Amino acid sequence: MSQAEELISYIAQSLVEQPEQVRVYTKDLRRTTILKLQVAQEDTGRVVGKHGRIATAMRSVLEVITRDEEKPVVLEID
């Protein structure tokens, strides 16, 4: 598991009611890398946050820790 995957997983597990259902995996595409975060359906709101603020904060942190990567890393929440 990469550093980015571990960080997003840690943050998500800290926020949700069902941390055992948090899944993070990477999908490499030609020009980007997609980090997919899956949580229980009931916990989606906790991860996204009011007006998307938590998701935005997670994406900002992800951008900082992956700035030296050759491809941009995008966070998708399912």
Protein backbone atom coordinates (compact mmCIF):
# COMPACT_ATOMS: atom_id res chain seq x y z
CA MET A 1 0.00 0.00 0.00
CA SER A 2 1.40 3.38 -0.96
CA GLN A 3 1.83 6.29 1.41
CA ALA A 4 -1.14 8.08 -0.18
CA GLU A 5 -3.38 5.01 0.17
CA GLU A 6 -2.38 4.59 3.81
CA LEU A 7 -3.08 8.23 4.63
CA ILE A 8 -6.50 8.31 2.95
CA SER A 9 -7.41 5.01 4.61
CA TYR A 10 -6.35 6.31 8.03
CA ILE A 11 -8.34 9.53 7.65
CA ALA A 12 -11.45 7.70 6.42
CA GLN A 13 -11.28 5.07 9.18
CA SER A 14 -11.08 7.86 11.75
CA LEU A 15 -14.28 9.43 10.43
CA VAL A 16 -16.64 6.51 9.83
CA GLU A 17 -18.80 4.30 12.04
CA GLN A 18 -17.71 1.12 10.23
CA PRO A 19 -13.92 1.39 9.75
CA GLU A 20 -13.63 -2.27 8.74
CA GLN A 21 -15.51 -1.47 5.50
CA VAL A 22 -13.05 1.21 4.34
CA ARG A 23 -11.29 0.17 1.14
CA VAL A 24 -8.70 2.19 -0.75
CA TYR A 25 -7.16 1.06 -4.00
CA THR A 26 -5.25 2.60 -6.87
CA LYS A 27 -6.15 2.58 -10.54
CA ASP A 28 -3.33 3.69 -12.86
CA LEU A 29 -4.36 5.33 -16.08
CA ARG A 30 -2.22 6.76 -18.84
CA ARG A 31 -2.15 10.37 -17.59
CA THR A 32 -3.47 10.14 -14.03
CA THR A 33 -3.61 7.88 -11.03
CA ILE A 34 -7.01 7.43 -9.42
CA LEU A 35 -7.23 6.66 -5.72
CA LYS A 36 -10.64 5.11 -5.07
CA LEU A 37 -12.09 5.26 -1.56
CA GLN A 38 -15.01 3.00 -0.72
CA VAL A 39 -16.92 3.20 2.55
CA ALA A 40 -20.22 1.80 3.83
CA GLN A 41 -23.20 3.57 2.28
CA GLU A 42 -24.22 5.00 5.68
CA ASP A 43 -20.74 6.53 6.13
CA THR A 44 -20.51 8.32 2.79
CA GLY A 45 -21.82 11.57 4.27
CA ARG A 46 -19.24 11.46 7.05
CA VAL A 47 -16.40 11.17 4.53
CA VAL A 48 -17.74 13.80 2.15
CA GLY A 49 -18.69 16.25 4.90
CA LYS A 50 -21.00 19.23 4.87
CA HIS A 51 -20.76 20.96 1.48
CA GLY A 52 -17.89 18.57 0.58
CA ARG A 53 -15.45 20.16 2.99
CA ILE A 54 -13.90 16.94 4.30
CA ALA A 55 -13.50 15.51 0.80
CA THR A 56 -11.89 18.77 -0.32
CA ALA A 57 -9.51 18.69 2.63
CA MET A 58 -8.55 15.07 1.87
CA ARG A 59 -7.89 16.00 -1.76
CA SER A 60 -5.72 18.94 -0.66
CA VAL A 61 -3.63 16.73 1.61
CA LEU A 62 -3.34 14.15 -1.16
CA GLU A 63 -2.17 16.83 -3.58
CA VAL A 64 0.58 17.90 -1.19
CA ILE A 65 1.95 14.42 -0.48
CA THR A 66 1.90 13.40 -4.16
CA ARG A 67 3.29 16.59 -5.67
CA ASP A 68 6.55 14.82 -6.62
CA GLU A 69 4.73 12.08 -8.56
CA GLU A 70 5.04 12.14 -12.32
CA LYS A 71 1.23 11.87 -12.80
CA PRO A 72 -1.49 13.74 -10.90
CA VAL A 73 -3.38 11.72 -8.29
CA VAL A 74 -7.16 12.08 -8.10
CA LEU A 75 -9.37 10.96 -5.19
CA GLU A 76 -12.76 9.39 -5.98
CA ILE A 77 -15.18 8.55 -3.19
CA ASP A 78 -17.73 5.76 -3.72
